[in-house]
């Protein structure tokens, strides 16, 4: 599913109006009808107090049209107009008059007005600002927003939480609605998925308001939301007469004294995701434990006991995953540098492999093109430099990936994979995955997918999705707190099964 910028959303509206030869008010009516159906299907006439806070632009017009529909179905409503400007959109004024025709008289809130009473048992519909917000809200409006947030009422935001711009960080974090639920028109917004802006909403849902599908299909978006429909076409089914050599030979290079477990997790994940053969290259201290913990993995060792000082692989691997638990000893850095000069095919680099690159940027020129880098936020900052907002972070990551022709996996609640100027936002995973070793498992999974012939960008997108899905499966059985990285590995098979489940099976389970 594409994620459009504010300008692209406006263009989609305009394209729809032109193609269908309708007026903008008809599109607003369509949007309000979807909002009403969402609310009505859940409330079914329940007599709860609904307070609608409407701005004087088109977002407020949506709220006004919704208020009319709620009133026509005998819901108990109170409408507030947040009168923050002398300029009013035509569609807002039209819907204001339609509401007055029903003898519903809105309460106009100005700078001097007292703040309305809001009960924790109320439902608040937030339609103050939409995607067109281009400046910080006035202080008195910010206080009203704070008053709504403090009410503890259920807050339903129309399209986007008011005060939250869709293409940048908020100007004042106190002047943003804390939405219980956001109903986004047609497509989601990027701000729903970024750490500093996603905190302003608990849940979101897309409402289909019938925007021009041809425009949506042919318009290139900078970001795409990755769900099951996007991942399924990437899946490569196994052939009946295939064998272990068909699915590649992965090598996981890493480990140091006390950190051999990272290689165990990565190697096991690499096997579980489908790599035909997996070898691990570790210092001598890891030999016994690896042979015991993961008997399916072949083990190569360097000459040192506690760290890697030279990397020698006596065969041509399909793909190498490097960095997990490897440490940053001088000898290890030299070994990594020498290895980069020899290897030509794309690889997966994580953990201390990334930290070594950030401390020795001259080594970046030797990283094979299309390699996949999997940094967490601090590792990413060491690579690309400090950023002032998540939007700047994404732009810097895009520029870095383009400069070096790499795939960058920015790990987080919604992991974003960056390649060739585009971002792919993941939808699976949960807070239980914030645990030691989770990243090592992801490294192994992406490595294993690349070994099977998945192109690096698809291996990264697919691996991230499957990794999160394994986390969701594991959490459903163990809970968030007990979700260890080894449980992620054990859940990879169930994640595949869930991904490939037939639709009729899902329908039967629903019945």
Protein backbone atom coordinates (compact mmCIF):
# COMPACT_ATOMS: atom_id res chain seq x y z
CA UNK A 1 0.00 0.00 0.00
CA UNK A 2 1.43 3.36 -1.01
CA UNK A 3 2.05 6.18 1.45
CA UNK A 4 1.44 9.55 -0.22
CA UNK A 5 2.75 12.97 0.74
CA UNK A 6 0.26 15.73 1.51
CA UNK A 7 0.65 17.16 -2.00
CA UNK A 8 0.03 13.76 -3.58
CA UNK A 9 -3.14 13.33 -1.51
CA UNK A 10 -4.41 16.71 -2.75
CA UNK A 11 -3.61 15.66 -6.30
CA UNK A 12 -5.50 12.40 -5.79
CA UNK A 13 -8.54 14.37 -4.61
CA UNK A 14 -8.30 16.69 -7.59
CA UNK A 15 -7.88 13.79 -10.02
CA UNK A 16 -10.95 12.06 -8.59
CA UNK A 17 -13.07 15.19 -8.86
CA UNK A 18 -12.02 15.71 -12.47
CA UNK A 19 -12.41 12.07 -13.52
CA UNK A 20 -15.84 11.60 -11.94
CA UNK A 21 -17.03 15.11 -12.76
CA UNK A 22 -18.16 15.73 -9.21
CA UNK A 23 -17.90 18.67 -6.85
CA UNK A 24 -15.50 18.68 -3.90
CA UNK A 25 -18.49 18.74 -1.56
CA UNK A 26 -19.57 15.34 -2.93
CA UNK A 27 -16.16 13.91 -2.11
CA UNK A 28 -16.49 15.36 1.39
CA UNK A 29 -19.91 13.77 1.71
CA UNK A 30 -18.41 10.44 0.69
CA UNK A 31 -15.69 10.77 3.32
CA UNK A 32 -18.18 11.73 6.03
CA UNK A 33 -20.39 8.77 5.13
CA UNK A 34 -17.45 6.42 5.68
CA UNK A 35 -16.71 8.07 9.03
CA UNK A 36 -20.34 7.69 10.05
CA UNK A 37 -20.53 4.04 9.01
CA UNK A 38 -17.40 3.27 11.04
CA UNK A 39 -18.87 4.89 14.16
CA UNK A 40 -22.43 3.65 13.65
CA UNK A 41 -21.35 0.04 13.11
CA UNK A 42 -19.73 0.11 16.55
CA UNK A 43 -22.20 2.22 18.52
CA UNK A 44 -25.46 0.99 16.99
CA UNK A 45 -27.39 3.87 18.46
CA UNK A 46 -25.85 3.71 21.93
CA UNK A 47 -26.64 6.91 23.75
CA UNK A 48 -23.18 8.22 24.44
CA UNK A 49 -22.23 11.87 24.31
CA UNK A 50 -20.30 12.68 21.14
CA UNK A 51 -18.46 16.00 21.07
CA UNK A 52 -17.18 17.09 17.68
CA UNK A 53 -14.41 19.70 17.50
CA UNK A 54 -14.31 21.09 13.95
CA UNK A 55 -11.86 23.52 12.42
CA UNK A 56 -12.85 25.95 9.70
CA UNK A 57 -11.11 24.16 6.81
CA UNK A 58 -11.99 21.01 4.92
CA UNK A 59 -11.16 18.76 7.86
CA UNK A 60 -13.74 20.72 9.84
CA UNK A 61 -16.12 20.33 6.90
CA UNK A 62 -15.74 16.55 7.21
CA UNK A 63 -16.59 16.87 10.89
CA UNK A 64 -19.64 19.03 10.15
CA UNK A 65 -20.95 16.55 7.60
CA UNK A 66 -20.40 13.72 10.10
CA UNK A 67 -22.26 15.68 12.78
CA UNK A 68 -25.27 16.02 10.45
CA UNK A 69 -25.34 12.28 9.79
CA UNK A 70 -25.04 11.49 13.51
CA UNK A 71 -27.86 13.90 14.28
CA UNK A 72 -30.07 12.34 11.61
CA UNK A 73 -29.64 8.99 13.39
CA UNK A 74 -30.53 10.48 16.78
CA UNK A 75 -27.11 10.41 18.37
CA UNK A 76 -26.44 12.83 21.20
CA UNK A 77 -23.98 15.33 19.76
CA UNK A 78 -22.44 18.65 20.59
CA UNK A 79 -20.57 20.53 17.87
CA UNK A 80 -17.76 22.98 18.57
CA UNK A 81 -16.27 25.19 15.86
CA UNK A 82 -12.63 25.99 16.63
CA UNK A 83 -12.59 29.49 15.17
CA UNK A 84 -8.85 29.86 14.61
CA UNK A 85 -9.02 32.03 11.46
CA UNK A 86 -11.24 34.44 9.56
CA UNK A 87 -10.78 32.33 6.43
CA UNK A 88 -13.17 29.44 5.95
CA UNK A 89 -13.28 26.85 3.21
CA UNK A 90 -16.36 26.81 1.00
CA UNK A 91 -17.15 23.20 1.83
CA UNK A 92 -16.95 23.97 5.55
CA UNK A 93 -19.40 26.83 5.15
CA UNK A 94 -21.75 24.68 3.08
CA UNK A 95 -21.82 21.92 5.70
CA UNK A 96 -22.19 24.46 8.50
CA UNK A 97 -25.36 25.77 6.84
CA UNK A 98 -26.66 22.23 6.29
CA UNK A 99 -26.18 21.55 9.99
CA UNK A 100 -27.98 24.75 10.95
CA UNK A 101 -30.86 23.77 8.68
CA UNK A 102 -31.37 20.80 11.02
CA UNK A 103 -31.55 23.23 13.97
CA UNK A 104 -28.16 22.11 15.27
CA UNK A 105 -26.32 25.19 16.51
CA UNK A 106 -22.57 24.81 16.93
CA UNK A 107 -20.68 26.36 19.80
CA UNK A 108 -18.00 28.71 18.44
CA UNK A 109 -14.75 28.59 20.41
CA UNK A 110 -12.51 31.66 20.19
CA UNK A 111 -9.40 32.84 21.98
CA UNK A 112 -11.48 34.30 24.81
CA UNK A 113 -13.83 31.32 25.19
CA UNK A 114 -13.92 29.05 28.21
CA UNK A 115 -12.83 25.50 27.54
CA UNK A 116 -15.81 23.13 27.16
CA UNK A 117 -16.39 20.38 29.68
CA UNK A 118 -15.40 16.93 28.44
CA UNK A 119 -16.20 13.77 30.38
CA UNK A 120 -13.96 10.69 30.28
CA UNK A 121 -17.09 8.85 29.11
CA UNK A 122 -17.52 11.09 26.04
CA UNK A 123 -16.42 10.34 22.52
CA UNK A 124 -14.46 13.23 21.04
CA UNK A 125 -14.25 13.59 17.27
CA UNK A 126 -11.15 15.57 16.37
CA UNK A 127 -11.62 17.41 13.06
CA UNK A 128 -9.72 20.61 13.89
CA UNK A 129 -6.77 20.44 11.50
CA UNK A 130 -6.18 18.14 8.54
CA UNK A 131 -3.18 17.42 6.35
CA UNK A 132 -2.93 21.04 5.23
CA UNK A 133 -1.56 22.31 8.54
CA UNK A 134 1.58 24.32 7.72
CA UNK A 135 2.32 26.22 10.93
CA UNK A 136 2.27 25.80 14.67
CA UNK A 137 -1.28 26.13 16.12
CA UNK A 138 -2.02 29.30 18.04
CA UNK A 139 -1.41 29.05 21.77
CA UNK A 140 -5.11 29.10 22.65
CA UNK A 141 -5.79 26.28 20.19
CA UNK A 142 -2.86 24.39 21.67
CA UNK A 143 -4.42 24.77 25.12
CA UNK A 144 -7.70 23.40 23.76
CA UNK A 145 -5.82 20.42 22.33
CA UNK A 146 -4.16 19.90 25.71
CA UNK A 147 -7.58 20.10 27.36
CA UNK A 148 -8.90 17.36 25.04
CA UNK A 149 -5.84 15.21 25.76
CA UNK A 150 -6.29 15.64 29.52
CA UNK A 151 -9.97 14.65 29.37
CA UNK A 152 -9.23 10.90 29.10
CA UNK A 153 -12.10 10.65 26.61
CA UNK A 154 -11.90 8.34 23.58
CA UNK A 155 -10.56 10.60 20.81
CA UNK A 156 -11.30 9.74 17.18
CA UNK A 157 -9.21 11.83 14.78
CA UNK A 158 -10.36 12.50 11.23
CA UNK A 159 -7.56 11.67 8.76
CA UNK A 160 -4.70 12.74 11.06
CA UNK A 161 -4.35 13.88 14.69
CA UNK A 162 -4.81 17.64 14.77
CA UNK A 163 -1.58 19.57 15.21
CA UNK A 164 0.48 16.84 13.57
CA UNK A 165 1.86 17.83 10.15
CA UNK A 166 2.18 14.90 7.75
CA UNK A 167 5.52 15.79 6.14
CA UNK A 168 7.59 16.99 9.07
CA UNK A 169 7.94 16.77 12.85
CA UNK A 170 5.47 18.79 14.98
CA UNK A 171 6.41 22.34 15.88
CA UNK A 172 5.16 22.00 19.45
CA UNK A 173 4.73 18.50 20.84
CA UNK A 174 2.20 19.75 23.41
CA UNK A 175 -0.07 21.04 20.66
CA UNK A 176 -0.87 17.68 19.08
CA UNK A 177 -3.96 15.57 19.71
CA UNK A 178 -3.29 12.21 21.38
CA UNK A 179 -5.66 10.12 19.28
CA UNK A 180 -7.15 6.87 20.51
CA UNK A 181 -7.96 6.04 16.90
CA UNK A 182 -7.28 7.68 13.54
CA UNK A 183 -9.43 7.10 10.46
CA UNK A 184 -7.19 7.93 7.51
CA UNK A 185 -8.76 8.60 4.11
CA UNK A 186 -7.75 6.12 1.37
CA UNK A 187 -4.08 5.74 2.36
CA UNK A 188 -2.07 5.83 5.60
CA UNK A 189 0.28 8.69 6.50
CA UNK A 190 4.03 8.26 7.06
CA UNK A 191 3.77 9.97 10.46
CA UNK A 192 1.81 6.98 11.76
CA UNK A 193 4.97 4.86 11.64
CA UNK A 194 7.84 7.09 12.80
CA UNK A 195 9.05 6.97 16.42
CA UNK A 196 8.63 10.68 17.16
CA UNK A 197 5.21 11.05 15.50
CA UNK A 198 3.61 7.62 15.82
CA UNK A 199 3.27 8.22 19.56
CA UNK A 200 0.32 10.56 18.88
CA UNK A 201 -2.01 7.72 17.90
CA UNK A 202 -2.87 4.39 19.42
CA UNK A 203 -4.49 2.73 16.40
CA UNK A 204 -5.29 3.66 12.83
CA UNK A 205 -7.45 2.41 10.00
CA UNK A 206 -7.86 3.35 6.35
CA UNK A 207 -11.28 4.33 5.01
CA UNK A 208 -11.80 3.83 1.28
CA UNK A 209 -13.45 7.00 -0.02
CA UNK A 210 -13.17 6.02 -3.66
CA UNK A 211 -10.23 8.13 -4.80
CA UNK A 212 -9.07 7.63 -8.38
CA UNK A 213 -7.39 4.20 -8.43
CA UNK A 214 -5.65 4.92 -11.73
CA UNK A 215 -3.98 7.96 -10.18
CA UNK A 216 -2.95 5.97 -7.11
CA UNK A 217 -1.60 3.09 -9.20
CA UNK A 218 0.44 5.27 -11.56
CA UNK A 219 1.79 7.77 -9.03
CA UNK A 220 5.19 6.86 -7.62
CA UNK A 221 5.35 7.14 -3.84
CA UNK A 222 8.50 7.64 -1.76
CA UNK A 223 7.24 5.15 0.82
CA UNK A 224 5.25 1.94 0.71
CA UNK A 225 3.55 0.08 3.54
CA UNK A 226 4.47 -3.59 3.53
CA UNK A 227 1.78 -6.07 4.51
CA UNK A 228 0.85 -9.57 3.49
CA UNK A 229 -0.40 -8.56 -0.01
CA UNK A 230 2.96 -6.95 -0.77
CA UNK A 231 5.05 -9.84 0.60
CA UNK A 232 3.23 -12.87 -0.79
CA UNK A 233 4.28 -12.22 -4.43
CA UNK A 234 7.93 -12.25 -3.32
CA UNK A 235 7.71 -15.76 -1.88
CA UNK A 236 9.58 -18.43 -3.84
CA UNK A 237 8.05 -21.90 -3.40
CA UNK A 238 10.35 -24.90 -3.25
CA UNK A 239 10.57 -27.26 -6.21
CA UNK A 240 9.95 -31.00 -5.87
CA UNK A 241 13.29 -32.11 -7.32
CA UNK A 242 15.43 -29.49 -5.58
CA UNK A 243 18.16 -30.35 -3.06
CA UNK A 244 20.15 -28.54 -0.37
CA UNK A 245 22.54 -27.12 -2.93
CA UNK A 246 19.60 -25.47 -4.69
CA UNK A 247 19.05 -23.14 -1.76
CA UNK A 248 22.53 -21.80 -1.29
CA UNK A 249 25.39 -21.99 1.18
CA UNK A 250 25.34 -19.19 3.74
CA UNK A 251 28.24 -18.24 5.96
CA UNK A 252 27.78 -16.34 9.21
CA UNK A 253 31.01 -14.63 10.28
CA UNK A 254 31.14 -13.32 13.83
CA UNK A 255 31.46 -14.10 17.48
CA UNK A 256 34.06 -13.36 20.13
CA UNK A 257 34.65 -14.56 23.67
CA UNK A 258 31.33 -14.31 25.53
CA UNK A 259 29.35 -13.50 22.35
CA UNK A 260 29.17 -16.78 20.49
CA UNK A 261 25.44 -16.89 21.17
CA UNK A 262 24.92 -14.18 18.54
CA UNK A 263 26.33 -16.51 15.88
CA UNK A 264 24.24 -19.39 17.18
CA UNK A 265 21.06 -17.34 16.80
CA UNK A 266 21.97 -15.98 13.36
CA UNK A 267 23.05 -19.38 12.04
CA UNK A 268 19.95 -21.13 13.37
CA UNK A 269 17.70 -18.44 11.89
CA UNK A 270 19.54 -18.74 8.59
CA UNK A 271 18.75 -22.46 8.47
CA UNK A 272 15.16 -22.01 9.64
CA UNK A 273 14.38 -19.44 6.94
CA UNK A 274 15.46 -21.94 4.29
CA UNK A 275 19.17 -21.71 3.47
CA UNK A 276 20.26 -25.08 2.10
CA UNK A 277 23.62 -25.10 3.90
CA UNK A 278 24.98 -22.89 6.66
CA UNK A 279 28.55 -22.55 7.91
CA UNK A 280 29.71 -20.38 10.77
CA UNK A 281 33.16 -18.79 10.95
CA UNK A 282 34.07 -18.06 14.58
CA UNK A 283 37.10 -17.90 16.89
CA UNK A 284 38.15 -21.21 18.43
CA UNK A 285 36.25 -20.55 21.66
CA UNK A 286 32.99 -20.96 19.78
CA UNK A 287 33.64 -24.34 18.19
CA UNK A 288 32.28 -26.70 20.82
CA UNK A 289 29.23 -24.66 21.74
CA UNK A 290 28.19 -24.15 18.13
CA UNK A 291 28.62 -27.81 17.20
CA UNK A 292 26.49 -28.72 20.20
CA UNK A 293 23.82 -26.00 20.04
CA UNK A 294 23.19 -26.09 16.29
CA UNK A 295 24.33 -29.47 14.94
CA UNK A 296 23.03 -28.66 11.45
CA UNK A 297 25.60 -25.86 11.11
CA UNK A 298 29.15 -26.54 9.90
CA UNK A 299 31.81 -24.66 11.86
CA UNK A 300 35.01 -23.03 10.66
CA UNK A 301 37.41 -21.35 13.07
CA UNK A 302 40.19 -18.83 12.86
CA UNK A 303 43.56 -19.19 14.55
CA UNK A 304 42.73 -17.15 17.66
CA UNK A 305 40.83 -18.40 20.71
CA UNK A 306 38.86 -15.29 21.67
CA UNK A 307 38.44 -13.16 18.56
CA UNK A 308 38.65 -13.30 14.79
CA UNK A 309 41.96 -12.11 13.37
CA UNK A 310 41.71 -13.49 9.86
CA UNK A 311 38.75 -14.60 7.74
CA UNK A 312 39.40 -17.52 5.41
CA UNK A 313 36.50 -19.37 3.80
CA UNK A 314 37.72 -22.40 1.77
CA UNK A 315 34.83 -22.31 -0.67
CA UNK A 316 32.70 -19.76 -2.56
CA UNK A 317 29.71 -18.96 -0.32
CA UNK A 318 26.37 -17.90 -1.76
CA UNK A 319 26.20 -15.04 0.72
CA UNK A 320 27.98 -13.90 3.88
CA UNK A 321 26.37 -12.38 6.95
CA UNK A 322 28.98 -10.66 9.11
CA UNK A 323 29.28 -8.67 12.31
CA UNK A 324 27.13 -10.36 14.96
CA UNK A 325 29.11 -10.57 18.20
CA UNK A 326 32.37 -10.03 16.31
CA UNK A 327 33.79 -7.28 18.55
CA UNK A 328 36.08 -4.41 17.56
CA UNK A 329 39.59 -5.62 18.33
CA UNK A 330 42.28 -4.15 16.07
CA UNK A 331 42.98 -7.57 14.56
CA UNK A 332 39.29 -8.08 13.87
CA UNK A 333 39.05 -4.71 12.13
CA UNK A 334 42.02 -5.63 9.95
CA UNK A 335 40.49 -9.01 9.16
CA UNK A 336 37.18 -7.40 8.17
CA UNK A 337 38.97 -4.83 6.00
CA UNK A 338 40.96 -7.52 4.18
CA UNK A 339 37.87 -9.66 3.71
CA UNK A 340 35.93 -6.76 2.15
CA UNK A 341 38.65 -6.37 -0.47
CA UNK A 342 38.23 -10.00 -1.50
CA UNK A 343 34.47 -10.46 -1.52
CA UNK A 344 32.50 -9.21 -4.52
CA UNK A 345 28.94 -10.44 -3.98
CA UNK A 346 26.35 -8.64 -1.77
CA UNK A 347 26.56 -9.44 1.91
CA UNK A 348 24.63 -8.70 5.10
CA UNK A 349 26.40 -6.51 7.68
CA UNK A 350 25.18 -6.00 11.24
CA UNK A 351 26.21 -5.00 14.76
CA UNK A 352 29.97 -4.47 15.22
CA UNK A 353 30.42 -4.87 11.47
CA UNK A 354 28.50 -1.60 11.16
CA UNK A 355 30.38 0.04 14.02
CA UNK A 356 33.70 -0.86 12.37
CA UNK A 357 32.51 0.76 9.14
CA UNK A 358 31.41 3.93 10.94
CA UNK A 359 34.81 4.23 12.64
CA UNK A 360 36.67 3.43 9.42
CA UNK A 361 34.60 5.12 6.68
CA UNK A 362 37.31 4.47 4.09
CA UNK A 363 36.24 0.80 4.23
CA UNK A 364 32.81 1.67 2.80
CA UNK A 365 34.24 1.81 -0.71
CA UNK A 366 35.01 -1.91 -0.47
CA UNK A 367 31.54 -2.97 0.69
CA UNK A 368 29.97 -4.85 -2.25
CA UNK A 369 27.13 -3.00 -3.94
CA UNK A 370 23.60 -4.07 -3.00
CA UNK A 371 24.80 -5.32 0.38
CA UNK A 372 22.24 -5.11 3.20
CA UNK A 373 23.09 -3.10 6.32
CA UNK A 374 20.84 -3.66 9.36
CA UNK A 375 21.51 -0.90 11.93
CA UNK A 376 19.55 -0.04 15.04
CA UNK A 377 19.17 3.75 15.61
CA UNK A 378 22.53 4.32 17.35
CA UNK A 379 24.41 2.27 14.75
CA UNK A 380 22.67 4.23 12.01
CA UNK A 381 23.61 7.53 13.64
CA UNK A 382 27.25 6.47 13.74
CA UNK A 383 27.06 5.72 10.02
CA UNK A 384 25.17 8.75 8.67
CA UNK A 385 25.55 11.37 11.39
CA UNK A 386 23.14 13.06 13.78
CA UNK A 387 19.63 14.03 12.71
CA UNK A 388 17.16 16.50 14.22
CA UNK A 389 13.99 14.66 13.21
CA UNK A 390 12.86 11.32 11.85
CA UNK A 391 12.27 12.96 8.51
CA UNK A 392 15.86 14.16 8.35
CA UNK A 393 17.01 10.69 9.42
CA UNK A 394 15.16 9.13 6.48
CA UNK A 395 16.55 11.65 4.01
CA UNK A 396 20.10 11.07 5.27
CA UNK A 397 19.63 7.29 5.10
CA UNK A 398 18.30 7.56 1.53
CA UNK A 399 21.29 9.68 0.49
CA UNK A 400 23.74 7.26 2.14
CA UNK A 401 22.12 4.23 0.51
CA UNK A 402 22.16 5.92 -2.91
CA UNK A 403 25.76 7.04 -2.56
CA UNK A 404 27.00 3.53 -1.82
CA UNK A 405 24.28 1.56 -3.67
CA UNK A 406 23.26 -0.29 -0.52
CA UNK A 407 20.09 -1.52 1.14
CA UNK A 408 19.64 -0.09 4.65
CA UNK A 409 17.27 -1.70 7.15
CA UNK A 410 16.45 0.86 9.85
CA UNK A 411 15.30 -1.28 12.76
CA UNK A 412 12.49 -0.05 14.99
CA UNK A 413 8.83 -0.54 15.93
CA UNK A 414 8.08 -0.12 12.23
CA UNK A 415 11.34 -1.16 10.57
CA UNK A 416 11.93 0.79 7.36
CA UNK A 417 13.99 -0.67 4.53
CA UNK A 418 15.66 1.96 2.34
CA UNK A 419 16.82 1.37 -1.22
CA UNK A 420 17.16 3.49 -4.36
CA UNK A 421 15.39 6.50 -2.88
CA UNK A 422 12.38 4.57 -1.56
CA UNK A 423 11.34 3.40 1.88
CA UNK A 424 9.42 0.22 2.70
CA UNK A 425 7.61 0.40 6.04
CA UNK A 426 7.02 -2.89 7.84
CA UNK A 427 3.75 -3.74 9.60
CA UNK A 428 4.64 -6.84 11.67
CA UNK A 429 6.34 -7.14 15.05
CA UNK A 430 5.67 -6.12 18.63
CA UNK A 431 7.39 -4.67 21.73
CA UNK A 432 8.38 -8.14 22.93
CA UNK A 433 11.00 -8.17 20.18
CA UNK A 434 12.95 -5.48 22.02
CA UNK A 435 15.21 -8.15 23.46
CA UNK A 436 18.83 -9.29 23.18
CA UNK A 437 19.55 -11.29 20.05
CA UNK A 438 16.51 -10.22 18.04
CA UNK A 439 18.73 -8.37 15.57
CA UNK A 440 21.03 -11.38 15.22
CA UNK A 441 18.02 -13.46 14.18
CA UNK A 442 17.10 -10.87 11.53
CA UNK A 443 20.65 -10.92 10.16
CA UNK A 444 20.49 -14.68 9.78
CA UNK A 445 17.07 -14.56 8.14
CA UNK A 446 18.05 -11.99 5.51
CA UNK A 447 21.28 -13.90 4.84
CA UNK A 448 19.35 -17.14 4.38
CA UNK A 449 16.88 -15.55 1.99
CA UNK A 450 19.66 -14.08 -0.13
CA UNK A 451 21.33 -17.51 -0.26
CA UNK A 452 18.13 -18.90 -1.79
CA UNK A 453 18.27 -16.37 -4.61
CA UNK A 454 16.06 -13.57 -3.32
CA UNK A 455 17.42 -10.22 -4.60
CA UNK A 456 18.88 -8.19 -1.69
CA UNK A 457 16.02 -5.67 -1.55
CA UNK A 458 13.39 -8.43 -1.55
CA UNK A 459 15.36 -10.47 0.98
CA UNK A 460 15.45 -7.43 3.26
CA UNK A 461 11.74 -6.56 2.90
CA UNK A 462 10.62 -10.19 3.14
CA UNK A 463 13.04 -10.98 5.97
CA UNK A 464 11.90 -8.01 8.04
CA UNK A 465 8.23 -8.93 7.53
CA UNK A 466 8.77 -12.61 8.36
CA UNK A 467 10.94 -11.70 11.37
CA UNK A 468 8.14 -9.50 12.75
CA UNK A 469 5.55 -12.17 12.00
CA UNK A 470 7.63 -14.74 13.89
CA UNK A 471 7.66 -12.28 16.78
CA UNK A 472 3.89 -11.93 16.64
CA UNK A 473 3.45 -15.72 16.60
CA UNK A 474 5.88 -16.11 19.49
CA UNK A 475 4.27 -13.35 21.56
CA UNK A 476 0.84 -14.91 21.10
CA UNK A 477 2.16 -18.01 22.87
CA UNK A 478 4.66 -16.60 25.35
CA UNK A 479 3.68 -12.98 25.92
CA UNK A 480 5.83 -9.93 25.28
CA UNK A 481 8.12 -10.15 28.30
CA UNK A 482 9.12 -13.78 27.75
CA UNK A 483 9.75 -13.46 24.02
CA UNK A 484 13.41 -14.51 23.76
CA UNK A 485 15.33 -14.38 20.49
CA UNK A 486 15.51 -18.18 20.41
CA UNK A 487 11.70 -18.23 20.42
CA UNK A 488 11.80 -16.03 17.31
CA UNK A 489 13.91 -18.68 15.58
CA UNK A 490 11.53 -21.43 16.67
CA UNK A 491 8.59 -19.40 15.33
CA UNK A 492 9.94 -18.87 11.80
CA UNK A 493 8.21 -22.01 10.50
CA UNK A 494 4.89 -20.94 12.02
CA UNK A 495 5.37 -17.51 10.46
CA UNK A 496 5.76 -19.10 7.03
CA UNK A 497 2.64 -21.18 7.66
CA UNK A 498 0.69 -18.08 8.69
CA UNK A 499 1.88 -16.15 5.64
CA UNK A 500 0.92 -18.96 3.26
CA UNK A 501 -2.40 -19.80 4.90
CA UNK A 502 -5.19 -20.22 2.36
CA UNK A 503 -7.98 -17.60 2.46
CA UNK A 504 -10.70 -20.27 2.84
CA UNK A 505 -8.92 -21.52 5.98
CA UNK A 506 -9.06 -18.01 7.44
CA UNK A 507 -12.77 -17.74 6.61
CA UNK A 508 -13.51 -21.09 8.23
CA UNK A 509 -11.65 -20.06 11.36
CA UNK A 510 -13.62 -16.81 11.41
CA UNK A 511 -16.86 -18.82 11.38
